[in-house]
ModelCIF file with pLDDT and N, C-alpha, C, O atoms, coordinates in Angstrom:
data_MODEL
#
_entry.id   MODEL 
#
_entity.id                         1 
_entity.type                       polymer 
_entity.pdbx_number_of_molecules   1 
#
_entity_poly.entity_id                      1 
_entity_poly.type                           'polypeptide(L)' 
_entity_poly.nstd_linkage                   no 
_entity_poly.nstd_monomer                   no 
_entity_poly.pdbx_seq_one_letter_code       IPAAAAMLATFLAVFVTVAIRKIGDAKLNAYRLGFLASLTSFFLV 
_entity_poly.pdbx_seq_one_letter_code_can   IPAAAAMLATFLAVFVTVAIRKIGDAKLNAYRLGFLASLTSFFLV 
_entity_poly.pdbx_strand_id                 A 
#
loop_
_entity_poly_seq.entity_id 
_entity_poly_seq.num 
_entity_poly_seq.mon_id 
_entity_poly_seq.hetero 
1 1  ILE n 
1 2  PRO n 
1 3  ALA n 
1 4  ALA n 
1 5  ALA n 
1 6  ALA n 
1 7  MET n 
1 8  LEU n 
1 9  ALA n 
1 10 THR n 
1 11 PHE n 
1 12 LEU n 
1 13 ALA n 
1 14 VAL n 
1 15 PHE n 
1 16 VAL n 
1 17 THR n 
1 18 VAL n 
1 19 ALA n 
1 20 ILE n 
1 21 ARG n 
1 22 LYS n 
1 23 ILE n 
1 24 GLY n 
1 25 ASP n 
1 26 ALA n 
1 27 LYS n 
1 28 LEU n 
1 29 ASN n 
1 30 ALA n 
1 31 TYR n 
1 32 ARG n 
1 33 LEU n 
1 34 GLY n 
1 35 PHE n 
1 36 LEU n 
1 37 ALA n 
1 38 SER n 
1 39 LEU n 
1 40 THR n 
1 41 SER n 
1 42 PHE n 
1 43 PHE n 
1 44 LEU n 
1 45 VAL n 
#
_struct_asym.id          A 
_struct_asym.entity_id   1 
#
loop_
_ma_qa_metric.id 
_ma_qa_metric.mode 
_ma_qa_metric.name 
_ma_qa_metric.software_group_id 
_ma_qa_metric.type 
1 global pLDDT . pLDDT 
2 local  pLDDT . pLDDT 
#
_ma_qa_metric_global.metric_id      1 
_ma_qa_metric_global.metric_value   94.56 
_ma_qa_metric_global.model_id       1 
_ma_qa_metric_global.ordinal_id     1 
#
loop_
_ma_qa_metric_local.label_asym_id 
_ma_qa_metric_local.label_comp_id 
_ma_qa_metric_local.label_seq_id 
_ma_qa_metric_local.metric_id 
_ma_qa_metric_local.metric_value 
_ma_qa_metric_local.model_id 
_ma_qa_metric_local.ordinal_id 
A ILE 1  2 96.00 1 1  
A PRO 2  2 96.00 1 2  
A ALA 3  2 96.00 1 3  
A ALA 4  2 96.00 1 4  
A ALA 5  2 97.00 1 5  
A ALA 6  2 97.00 1 6  
A MET 7  2 97.00 1 7  
A LEU 8  2 97.00 1 8  
A ALA 9  2 97.00 1 9  
A THR 10 2 97.00 1 10 
A PHE 11 2 97.00 1 11 
A LEU 12 2 96.00 1 12 
A ALA 13 2 96.00 1 13 
A VAL 14 2 96.00 1 14 
A PHE 15 2 96.00 1 15 
A VAL 16 2 95.00 1 16 
A THR 17 2 95.00 1 17 
A VAL 18 2 96.00 1 18 
A ALA 19 2 94.00 1 19 
A ILE 20 2 92.00 1 20 
A ARG 21 2 92.00 1 21 
A LYS 22 2 90.00 1 22 
A ILE 23 2 88.00 1 23 
A GLY 24 2 85.00 1 24 
A ASP 25 2 88.00 1 25 
A ALA 26 2 90.00 1 26 
A LYS 27 2 93.00 1 27 
A LEU 28 2 94.00 1 28 
A ASN 29 2 93.00 1 29 
A ALA 30 2 94.00 1 30 
A TYR 31 2 96.00 1 31 
A ARG 32 2 95.00 1 32 
A LEU 33 2 95.00 1 33 
A GLY 34 2 96.00 1 34 
A PHE 35 2 97.00 1 35 
A LEU 36 2 96.00 1 36 
A ALA 37 2 96.00 1 37 
A SER 38 2 96.00 1 38 
A LEU 39 2 96.00 1 39 
A THR 40 2 95.00 1 40 
A SER 41 2 95.00 1 41 
A PHE 42 2 96.00 1 42 
A PHE 43 2 95.00 1 43 
A LEU 44 2 92.00 1 44 
A VAL 45 2 93.00 1 45 
#
loop_
_atom_site.group_PDB 
_atom_site.id 
_atom_site.type_symbol 
_atom_site.label_atom_id 
_atom_site.label_alt_id 
_atom_site.label_comp_id 
_atom_site.label_asym_id 
_atom_site.label_entity_id 
_atom_site.label_seq_id 
_atom_site.pdbx_PDB_ins_code 
_atom_site.Cartn_x 
_atom_site.Cartn_y 
_atom_site.Cartn_z 
_atom_site.occupancy 
_atom_site.B_iso_or_equiv 
_atom_site.pdbx_formal_charge 
_atom_site.auth_seq_id 
_atom_site.auth_comp_id 
_atom_site.auth_asym_id 
_atom_site.auth_atom_id 
_atom_site.pdbx_PDB_model_num 
ATOM 1   N N  . ILE A 1 1  ? 105.144 74.668  75.265 1.00 96.00 ? 1  ILE A N  1 
ATOM 2   C CA . ILE A 1 1  ? 104.814 75.131  76.547 1.00 96.00 ? 1  ILE A CA 1 
ATOM 3   C C  . ILE A 1 1  ? 105.778 75.841  76.818 1.00 96.00 ? 1  ILE A C  1 
ATOM 4   O O  . ILE A 1 1  ? 105.593 77.058  76.829 1.00 96.00 ? 1  ILE A O  1 
ATOM 5   N N  . PRO A 1 2  ? 107.141 75.290  77.130 1.00 96.00 ? 2  PRO A N  1 
ATOM 6   C CA . PRO A 1 2  ? 108.160 76.095  77.634 1.00 96.00 ? 2  PRO A CA 1 
ATOM 7   C C  . PRO A 1 2  ? 108.334 77.474  76.985 1.00 96.00 ? 2  PRO A C  1 
ATOM 8   O O  . PRO A 1 2  ? 108.774 78.325  77.757 1.00 96.00 ? 2  PRO A O  1 
ATOM 9   N N  . ALA A 1 3  ? 108.114 77.827  75.888 1.00 96.00 ? 3  ALA A N  1 
ATOM 10  C CA . ALA A 1 3  ? 108.332 79.045  75.264 1.00 96.00 ? 3  ALA A CA 1 
ATOM 11  C C  . ALA A 1 3  ? 107.059 79.625  76.112 1.00 96.00 ? 3  ALA A C  1 
ATOM 12  O O  . ALA A 1 3  ? 107.248 80.284  77.135 1.00 96.00 ? 3  ALA A O  1 
ATOM 13  N N  . ALA A 1 4  ? 106.048 79.402  75.731 1.00 96.00 ? 4  ALA A N  1 
ATOM 14  C CA . ALA A 1 4  ? 104.659 80.244  76.214 1.00 96.00 ? 4  ALA A CA 1 
ATOM 15  C C  . ALA A 1 4  ? 104.853 80.645  77.608 1.00 96.00 ? 4  ALA A C  1 
ATOM 16  O O  . ALA A 1 4  ? 104.587 81.775  78.019 1.00 96.00 ? 4  ALA A O  1 
ATOM 17  N N  . ALA A 1 5  ? 105.386 79.567  78.425 1.00 97.00 ? 5  ALA A N  1 
ATOM 18  C CA . ALA A 1 5  ? 105.472 79.877  80.119 1.00 97.00 ? 5  ALA A CA 1 
ATOM 19  C C  . ALA A 1 5  ? 106.771 80.998  80.260 1.00 97.00 ? 5  ALA A C  1 
ATOM 20  O O  . ALA A 1 5  ? 106.850 81.750  81.231 1.00 97.00 ? 5  ALA A O  1 
ATOM 21  N N  . ALA A 1 6  ? 107.568 80.993  79.372 1.00 97.00 ? 6  ALA A N  1 
ATOM 22  C CA . ALA A 1 6  ? 108.690 82.046  79.593 1.00 97.00 ? 6  ALA A CA 1 
ATOM 23  C C  . ALA A 1 6  ? 108.142 83.361  79.183 1.00 97.00 ? 6  ALA A C  1 
ATOM 24  O O  . ALA A 1 6  ? 108.323 84.364  79.874 1.00 97.00 ? 6  ALA A O  1 
ATOM 25  N N  . MET A 1 7  ? 107.448 83.378  78.028 1.00 97.00 ? 7  MET A N  1 
ATOM 26  C CA . MET A 1 7  ? 106.986 84.633  77.566 1.00 97.00 ? 7  MET A CA 1 
ATOM 27  C C  . MET A 1 7  ? 105.952 85.414  78.773 1.00 97.00 ? 7  MET A C  1 
ATOM 28  O O  . MET A 1 7  ? 106.004 86.583  79.153 1.00 97.00 ? 7  MET A O  1 
ATOM 29  N N  . LEU A 1 8  ? 104.950 84.238  79.238 1.00 97.00 ? 8  LEU A N  1 
ATOM 30  C CA . LEU A 1 8  ? 104.211 84.693  80.143 1.00 97.00 ? 8  LEU A CA 1 
ATOM 31  C C  . LEU A 1 8  ? 105.039 85.009  81.189 1.00 97.00 ? 8  LEU A C  1 
ATOM 32  O O  . LEU A 1 8  ? 104.888 86.182  81.532 1.00 97.00 ? 8  LEU A O  1 
ATOM 33  N N  . ALA A 1 9  ? 105.903 84.373  81.861 1.00 97.00 ? 9  ALA A N  1 
ATOM 34  C CA . ALA A 1 9  ? 106.876 84.906  82.897 1.00 97.00 ? 9  ALA A CA 1 
ATOM 35  C C  . ALA A 1 9  ? 107.257 86.187  82.938 1.00 97.00 ? 9  ALA A C  1 
ATOM 36  O O  . ALA A 1 9  ? 107.077 86.962  83.877 1.00 97.00 ? 9  ALA A O  1 
ATOM 37  N N  . THR A 1 10 ? 107.897 86.458  81.701 1.00 97.00 ? 10 THR A N  1 
ATOM 38  C CA . THR A 1 10 ? 108.405 87.793  81.546 1.00 97.00 ? 10 THR A CA 1 
ATOM 39  C C  . THR A 1 10 ? 107.257 89.056  81.787 1.00 97.00 ? 10 THR A C  1 
ATOM 40  O O  . THR A 1 10 ? 107.395 89.991  82.576 1.00 97.00 ? 10 THR A O  1 
ATOM 41  N N  . PHE A 1 11 ? 106.407 88.876  81.126 1.00 97.00 ? 11 PHE A N  1 
ATOM 42  C CA . PHE A 1 11 ? 105.067 89.885  81.340 1.00 97.00 ? 11 PHE A CA 1 
ATOM 43  C C  . PHE A 1 11 ? 104.971 90.095  82.732 1.00 97.00 ? 11 PHE A C  1 
ATOM 44  O O  . PHE A 1 11 ? 105.249 91.169  83.266 1.00 97.00 ? 11 PHE A O  1 
ATOM 45  N N  . LEU A 1 12 ? 104.497 88.871  83.458 1.00 96.00 ? 12 LEU A N  1 
ATOM 46  C CA . LEU A 1 12 ? 104.528 88.705  84.896 1.00 96.00 ? 12 LEU A CA 1 
ATOM 47  C C  . LEU A 1 12 ? 105.360 89.576  85.561 1.00 96.00 ? 12 LEU A C  1 
ATOM 48  O O  . LEU A 1 12 ? 105.017 90.595  86.159 1.00 96.00 ? 12 LEU A O  1 
ATOM 49  N N  . ALA A 1 13 ? 106.784 89.003  85.393 1.00 96.00 ? 13 ALA A N  1 
ATOM 50  C CA . ALA A 1 13 ? 107.673 89.622  86.283 1.00 96.00 ? 13 ALA A CA 1 
ATOM 51  C C  . ALA A 1 13 ? 107.824 91.061  86.154 1.00 96.00 ? 13 ALA A C  1 
ATOM 52  O O  . ALA A 1 13 ? 108.158 91.767  87.105 1.00 96.00 ? 13 ALA A O  1 
ATOM 53  N N  . VAL A 1 14 ? 107.560 91.542  84.890 1.00 96.00 ? 14 VAL A N  1 
ATOM 54  C CA . VAL A 1 14 ? 107.759 93.086  84.797 1.00 96.00 ? 14 VAL A CA 1 
ATOM 55  C C  . VAL A 1 14 ? 106.500 93.560  85.346 1.00 96.00 ? 14 VAL A C  1 
ATOM 56  O O  . VAL A 1 14 ? 106.678 94.531  86.082 1.00 96.00 ? 14 VAL A O  1 
ATOM 57  N N  . PHE A 1 15 ? 105.128 93.153  85.219 1.00 96.00 ? 15 PHE A N  1 
ATOM 58  C CA . PHE A 1 15 ? 104.041 93.902  85.887 1.00 96.00 ? 15 PHE A CA 1 
ATOM 59  C C  . PHE A 1 15 ? 103.674 93.937  87.220 1.00 96.00 ? 15 PHE A C  1 
ATOM 60  O O  . PHE A 1 15 ? 103.129 94.882  87.790 1.00 96.00 ? 15 PHE A O  1 
ATOM 61  N N  . VAL A 1 16 ? 104.092 92.537  87.845 1.00 95.00 ? 16 VAL A N  1 
ATOM 62  C CA . VAL A 1 16 ? 103.951 92.538  89.277 1.00 95.00 ? 16 VAL A CA 1 
ATOM 63  C C  . VAL A 1 16 ? 104.875 93.239  90.141 1.00 95.00 ? 16 VAL A C  1 
ATOM 64  O O  . VAL A 1 16 ? 104.572 93.870  91.154 1.00 95.00 ? 16 VAL A O  1 
ATOM 65  N N  . THR A 1 17 ? 106.432 93.016  89.479 1.00 95.00 ? 17 THR A N  1 
ATOM 66  C CA . THR A 1 17 ? 107.467 93.743  90.359 1.00 95.00 ? 17 THR A CA 1 
ATOM 67  C C  . THR A 1 17 ? 107.157 95.275  90.348 1.00 95.00 ? 17 THR A C  1 
ATOM 68  O O  . THR A 1 17 ? 107.330 95.906  91.391 1.00 95.00 ? 17 THR A O  1 
ATOM 69  N N  . VAL A 1 18 ? 106.647 95.991  89.069 1.00 96.00 ? 18 VAL A N  1 
ATOM 70  C CA . VAL A 1 18 ? 106.487 97.502  89.318 1.00 96.00 ? 18 VAL A CA 1 
ATOM 71  C C  . VAL A 1 18 ? 105.147 97.830  89.921 1.00 96.00 ? 18 VAL A C  1 
ATOM 72  O O  . VAL A 1 18 ? 104.840 98.899  90.447 1.00 96.00 ? 18 VAL A O  1 
ATOM 73  N N  . ALA A 1 19 ? 104.336 96.679  89.759 1.00 94.00 ? 19 ALA A N  1 
ATOM 74  C CA . ALA A 1 19 ? 102.955 97.231  90.418 1.00 94.00 ? 19 ALA A CA 1 
ATOM 75  C C  . ALA A 1 19 ? 103.172 96.927  91.990 1.00 94.00 ? 19 ALA A C  1 
ATOM 76  O O  . ALA A 1 19 ? 102.432 97.597  92.710 1.00 94.00 ? 19 ALA A O  1 
ATOM 77  N N  . ILE A 1 20 ? 103.933 96.159  92.568 1.00 92.00 ? 20 ILE A N  1 
ATOM 78  C CA . ILE A 1 20 ? 103.970 96.019  94.059 1.00 92.00 ? 20 ILE A CA 1 
ATOM 79  C C  . ILE A 1 20 ? 105.236 97.064  94.423 1.00 92.00 ? 20 ILE A C  1 
ATOM 80  O O  . ILE A 1 20 ? 105.429 97.064  95.638 1.00 92.00 ? 20 ILE A O  1 
ATOM 81  N N  . ARG A 1 21 ? 105.843 97.654  93.937 1.00 92.00 ? 21 ARG A N  1 
ATOM 82  C CA . ARG A 1 21 ? 106.896 98.316  94.324 1.00 92.00 ? 21 ARG A CA 1 
ATOM 83  C C  . ARG A 1 21 ? 106.121 99.532  95.301 1.00 92.00 ? 21 ARG A C  1 
ATOM 84  O O  . ARG A 1 21 ? 105.031 99.973  94.935 1.00 92.00 ? 21 ARG A O  1 
ATOM 85  N N  . LYS A 1 22 ? 106.700 99.971  96.418 1.00 90.00 ? 22 LYS A N  1 
ATOM 86  C CA . LYS A 1 22 ? 106.008 101.082 97.035 1.00 90.00 ? 22 LYS A CA 1 
ATOM 87  C C  . LYS A 1 22 ? 106.953 102.277 96.611 1.00 90.00 ? 22 LYS A C  1 
ATOM 88  O O  . LYS A 1 22 ? 108.182 102.349 96.603 1.00 90.00 ? 22 LYS A O  1 
ATOM 89  N N  . ILE A 1 23 ? 105.773 103.384 96.188 1.00 88.00 ? 23 ILE A N  1 
ATOM 90  C CA . ILE A 1 23 ? 106.560 104.454 95.502 1.00 88.00 ? 23 ILE A CA 1 
ATOM 91  C C  . ILE A 1 23 ? 105.539 105.667 96.331 1.00 88.00 ? 23 ILE A C  1 
ATOM 92  O O  . ILE A 1 23 ? 104.349 105.463 96.569 1.00 88.00 ? 23 ILE A O  1 
ATOM 93  N N  . GLY A 1 24 ? 106.213 106.830 96.670 1.00 85.00 ? 24 GLY A N  1 
ATOM 94  C CA . GLY A 1 24 ? 105.502 107.795 97.653 1.00 85.00 ? 24 GLY A CA 1 
ATOM 95  C C  . GLY A 1 24 ? 105.459 109.089 96.528 1.00 85.00 ? 24 GLY A C  1 
ATOM 96  O O  . GLY A 1 24 ? 104.652 110.017 96.580 1.00 85.00 ? 24 GLY A O  1 
ATOM 97  N N  . ASP A 1 25 ? 106.237 108.961 95.781 1.00 88.00 ? 25 ASP A N  1 
ATOM 98  C CA . ASP A 1 25 ? 105.914 110.074 94.832 1.00 88.00 ? 25 ASP A CA 1 
ATOM 99  C C  . ASP A 1 25 ? 104.898 110.411 93.770 1.00 88.00 ? 25 ASP A C  1 
ATOM 100 O O  . ASP A 1 25 ? 104.853 109.631 92.819 1.00 88.00 ? 25 ASP A O  1 
ATOM 101 N N  . ALA A 1 26 ? 104.204 111.277 93.769 1.00 90.00 ? 26 ALA A N  1 
ATOM 102 C CA . ALA A 1 26 ? 102.818 111.603 93.020 1.00 90.00 ? 26 ALA A CA 1 
ATOM 103 C C  . ALA A 1 26 ? 103.166 111.293 91.486 1.00 90.00 ? 26 ALA A C  1 
ATOM 104 O O  . ALA A 1 26 ? 102.561 110.427 90.855 1.00 90.00 ? 26 ALA A O  1 
ATOM 105 N N  . LYS A 1 27 ? 104.063 111.975 91.010 1.00 93.00 ? 27 LYS A N  1 
ATOM 106 C CA . LYS A 1 27 ? 104.521 111.828 89.656 1.00 93.00 ? 27 LYS A CA 1 
ATOM 107 C C  . LYS A 1 27 ? 104.678 110.298 89.044 1.00 93.00 ? 27 LYS A C  1 
ATOM 108 O O  . LYS A 1 27 ? 104.154 109.728 88.087 1.00 93.00 ? 27 LYS A O  1 
ATOM 109 N N  . LEU A 1 28 ? 105.598 109.920 89.995 1.00 94.00 ? 28 LEU A N  1 
ATOM 110 C CA . LEU A 1 28 ? 105.960 108.479 89.459 1.00 94.00 ? 28 LEU A CA 1 
ATOM 111 C C  . LEU A 1 28 ? 104.821 107.505 89.830 1.00 94.00 ? 28 LEU A C  1 
ATOM 112 O O  . LEU A 1 28 ? 105.092 106.387 89.390 1.00 94.00 ? 28 LEU A O  1 
ATOM 113 N N  . ASN A 1 29 ? 103.752 107.534 90.424 1.00 93.00 ? 29 ASN A N  1 
ATOM 114 C CA . ASN A 1 29 ? 102.829 107.008 90.555 1.00 93.00 ? 29 ASN A CA 1 
ATOM 115 C C  . ASN A 1 29 ? 101.604 106.973 89.414 1.00 93.00 ? 29 ASN A C  1 
ATOM 116 O O  . ASN A 1 29 ? 100.901 106.053 88.996 1.00 93.00 ? 29 ASN A O  1 
ATOM 117 N N  . ALA A 1 30 ? 101.670 108.294 89.128 1.00 94.00 ? 30 ALA A N  1 
ATOM 118 C CA . ALA A 1 30 ? 101.115 108.464 87.668 1.00 94.00 ? 30 ALA A CA 1 
ATOM 119 C C  . ALA A 1 30 ? 101.760 107.922 86.848 1.00 94.00 ? 30 ALA A C  1 
ATOM 120 O O  . ALA A 1 30 ? 101.082 107.084 86.253 1.00 94.00 ? 30 ALA A O  1 
ATOM 121 N N  . TYR A 1 31 ? 102.835 107.986 86.484 1.00 96.00 ? 31 TYR A N  1 
ATOM 122 C CA . TYR A 1 31 ? 103.682 107.385 85.418 1.00 96.00 ? 31 TYR A CA 1 
ATOM 123 C C  . TYR A 1 31 ? 103.472 105.773 85.531 1.00 96.00 ? 31 TYR A C  1 
ATOM 124 O O  . TYR A 1 31 ? 103.241 105.070 84.548 1.00 96.00 ? 31 TYR A O  1 
ATOM 125 N N  . ARG A 1 32 ? 103.570 105.349 86.689 1.00 95.00 ? 32 ARG A N  1 
ATOM 126 C CA . ARG A 1 32 ? 103.292 103.861 86.815 1.00 95.00 ? 32 ARG A CA 1 
ATOM 127 C C  . ARG A 1 32 ? 101.864 103.475 86.622 1.00 95.00 ? 32 ARG A C  1 
ATOM 128 O O  . ARG A 1 32 ? 101.596 102.384 86.118 1.00 95.00 ? 32 ARG A O  1 
ATOM 129 N N  . LEU A 1 33 ? 101.089 104.168 86.932 1.00 95.00 ? 33 LEU A N  1 
ATOM 130 C CA . LEU A 1 33 ? 99.436  103.747 86.675 1.00 95.00 ? 33 LEU A CA 1 
ATOM 131 C C  . LEU A 1 33 ? 99.400  103.848 84.998 1.00 95.00 ? 33 LEU A C  1 
ATOM 132 O O  . LEU A 1 33 ? 98.741  102.995 84.402 1.00 95.00 ? 33 LEU A O  1 
ATOM 133 N N  . GLY A 1 34 ? 100.041 104.793 84.304 1.00 96.00 ? 34 GLY A N  1 
ATOM 134 C CA . GLY A 1 34 ? 99.686  104.571 82.876 1.00 96.00 ? 34 GLY A CA 1 
ATOM 135 C C  . GLY A 1 34 ? 100.566 103.438 82.044 1.00 96.00 ? 34 GLY A C  1 
ATOM 136 O O  . GLY A 1 34 ? 100.219 103.032 80.935 1.00 96.00 ? 34 GLY A O  1 
ATOM 137 N N  . PHE A 1 35 ? 101.702 103.006 82.708 1.00 97.00 ? 35 PHE A N  1 
ATOM 138 C CA . PHE A 1 35 ? 102.582 102.127 82.039 1.00 97.00 ? 35 PHE A CA 1 
ATOM 139 C C  . PHE A 1 35 ? 101.978 100.645 82.450 1.00 97.00 ? 35 PHE A C  1 
ATOM 140 O O  . PHE A 1 35 ? 102.338 99.622  81.868 1.00 97.00 ? 35 PHE A O  1 
ATOM 141 N N  . LEU A 1 36 ? 101.127 100.656 83.401 1.00 96.00 ? 36 LEU A N  1 
ATOM 142 C CA . LEU A 1 36 ? 100.258 99.300  83.986 1.00 96.00 ? 36 LEU A CA 1 
ATOM 143 C C  . LEU A 1 36 ? 99.237  99.269  82.991 1.00 96.00 ? 36 LEU A C  1 
ATOM 144 O O  . LEU A 1 36 ? 98.909  98.225  82.427 1.00 96.00 ? 36 LEU A O  1 
ATOM 145 N N  . ALA A 1 37 ? 98.732  100.365 82.760 1.00 96.00 ? 37 ALA A N  1 
ATOM 146 C CA . ALA A 1 37 ? 97.582  100.448 82.013 1.00 96.00 ? 37 ALA A CA 1 
ATOM 147 C C  . ALA A 1 37 ? 97.362  100.031 80.566 1.00 96.00 ? 37 ALA A C  1 
ATOM 148 O O  . ALA A 1 37 ? 96.383  99.478  80.065 1.00 96.00 ? 37 ALA A O  1 
ATOM 149 N N  . SER A 1 38 ? 98.697  100.492 79.922 1.00 96.00 ? 38 SER A N  1 
ATOM 150 C CA . SER A 1 38 ? 99.104  100.125 78.524 1.00 96.00 ? 38 SER A CA 1 
ATOM 151 C C  . SER A 1 38 ? 99.399  98.511  78.532 1.00 96.00 ? 38 SER A C  1 
ATOM 152 O O  . SER A 1 38 ? 99.028  97.859  77.555 1.00 96.00 ? 38 SER A O  1 
ATOM 153 N N  . LEU A 1 39 ? 100.068 97.853  79.635 1.00 96.00 ? 39 LEU A N  1 
ATOM 154 C CA . LEU A 1 39 ? 100.312 96.700  79.729 1.00 96.00 ? 39 LEU A CA 1 
ATOM 155 C C  . LEU A 1 39 ? 98.892  95.692  79.919 1.00 96.00 ? 39 LEU A C  1 
ATOM 156 O O  . LEU A 1 39 ? 98.733  94.598  79.378 1.00 96.00 ? 39 LEU A O  1 
ATOM 157 N N  . THR A 1 40 ? 98.181  96.206  80.598 1.00 95.00 ? 40 THR A N  1 
ATOM 158 C CA . THR A 1 40 ? 97.043  95.272  80.958 1.00 95.00 ? 40 THR A CA 1 
ATOM 159 C C  . THR A 1 40 ? 96.133  95.508  79.358 1.00 95.00 ? 40 THR A C  1 
ATOM 160 O O  . THR A 1 40 ? 95.543  94.523  78.915 1.00 95.00 ? 40 THR A O  1 
ATOM 161 N N  . SER A 1 41 ? 96.092  96.456  78.796 1.00 95.00 ? 41 SER A N  1 
ATOM 162 C CA . SER A 1 41 ? 95.679  96.495  77.247 1.00 95.00 ? 41 SER A CA 1 
ATOM 163 C C  . SER A 1 41 ? 96.300  95.393  76.152 1.00 95.00 ? 41 SER A C  1 
ATOM 164 O O  . SER A 1 41 ? 95.716  94.740  75.287 1.00 95.00 ? 41 SER A O  1 
ATOM 165 N N  . PHE A 1 42 ? 97.727  95.443  76.532 1.00 96.00 ? 42 PHE A N  1 
ATOM 166 C CA . PHE A 1 42 ? 98.223  94.392  75.731 1.00 96.00 ? 42 PHE A CA 1 
ATOM 167 C C  . PHE A 1 42 ? 97.725  92.947  75.886 1.00 96.00 ? 42 PHE A C  1 
ATOM 168 O O  . PHE A 1 42 ? 97.330  92.292  74.922 1.00 96.00 ? 42 PHE A O  1 
ATOM 169 N N  . PHE A 1 43 ? 97.766  92.422  77.305 1.00 95.00 ? 43 PHE A N  1 
ATOM 170 C CA . PHE A 1 43 ? 97.608  91.538  78.016 1.00 95.00 ? 43 PHE A CA 1 
ATOM 171 C C  . PHE A 1 43 ? 96.205  90.862  77.644 1.00 95.00 ? 43 PHE A C  1 
ATOM 172 O O  . PHE A 1 43 ? 96.040  89.657  77.453 1.00 95.00 ? 43 PHE A O  1 
ATOM 173 N N  . LEU A 1 44 ? 95.287  91.795  77.580 1.00 92.00 ? 44 LEU A N  1 
ATOM 174 C CA . LEU A 1 44 ? 93.642  91.354  77.457 1.00 92.00 ? 44 LEU A CA 1 
ATOM 175 C C  . LEU A 1 44 ? 93.513  91.225  75.845 1.00 92.00 ? 44 LEU A C  1 
ATOM 176 O O  . LEU A 1 44 ? 92.785  90.359  75.362 1.00 92.00 ? 44 LEU A O  1 
ATOM 177 N N  . VAL A 1 45 ? 94.246  92.116  75.038 1.00 93.00 ? 45 VAL A N  1 
ATOM 178 C CA . VAL A 1 45 ? 94.107  91.847  73.671 1.00 93.00 ? 45 VAL A CA 1 
ATOM 179 C C  . VAL A 1 45 ? 94.685  90.818  73.085 1.00 93.00 ? 45 VAL A C  1 
ATOM 180 O O  . VAL A 1 45 ? 94.529  90.627  71.879 1.00 93.00 ? 45 VAL A O  1 
#
């Protein structure tokens, strides 16, 4: 369980911090959406 918790914590630490960061630039927002969509796919699959 500790290993599984650490792997899941790594995923959430990346996903959540990138998702909640305030970004005003349209290009960076587009890149962020693409990145988070890819991680969402990995998580569900």
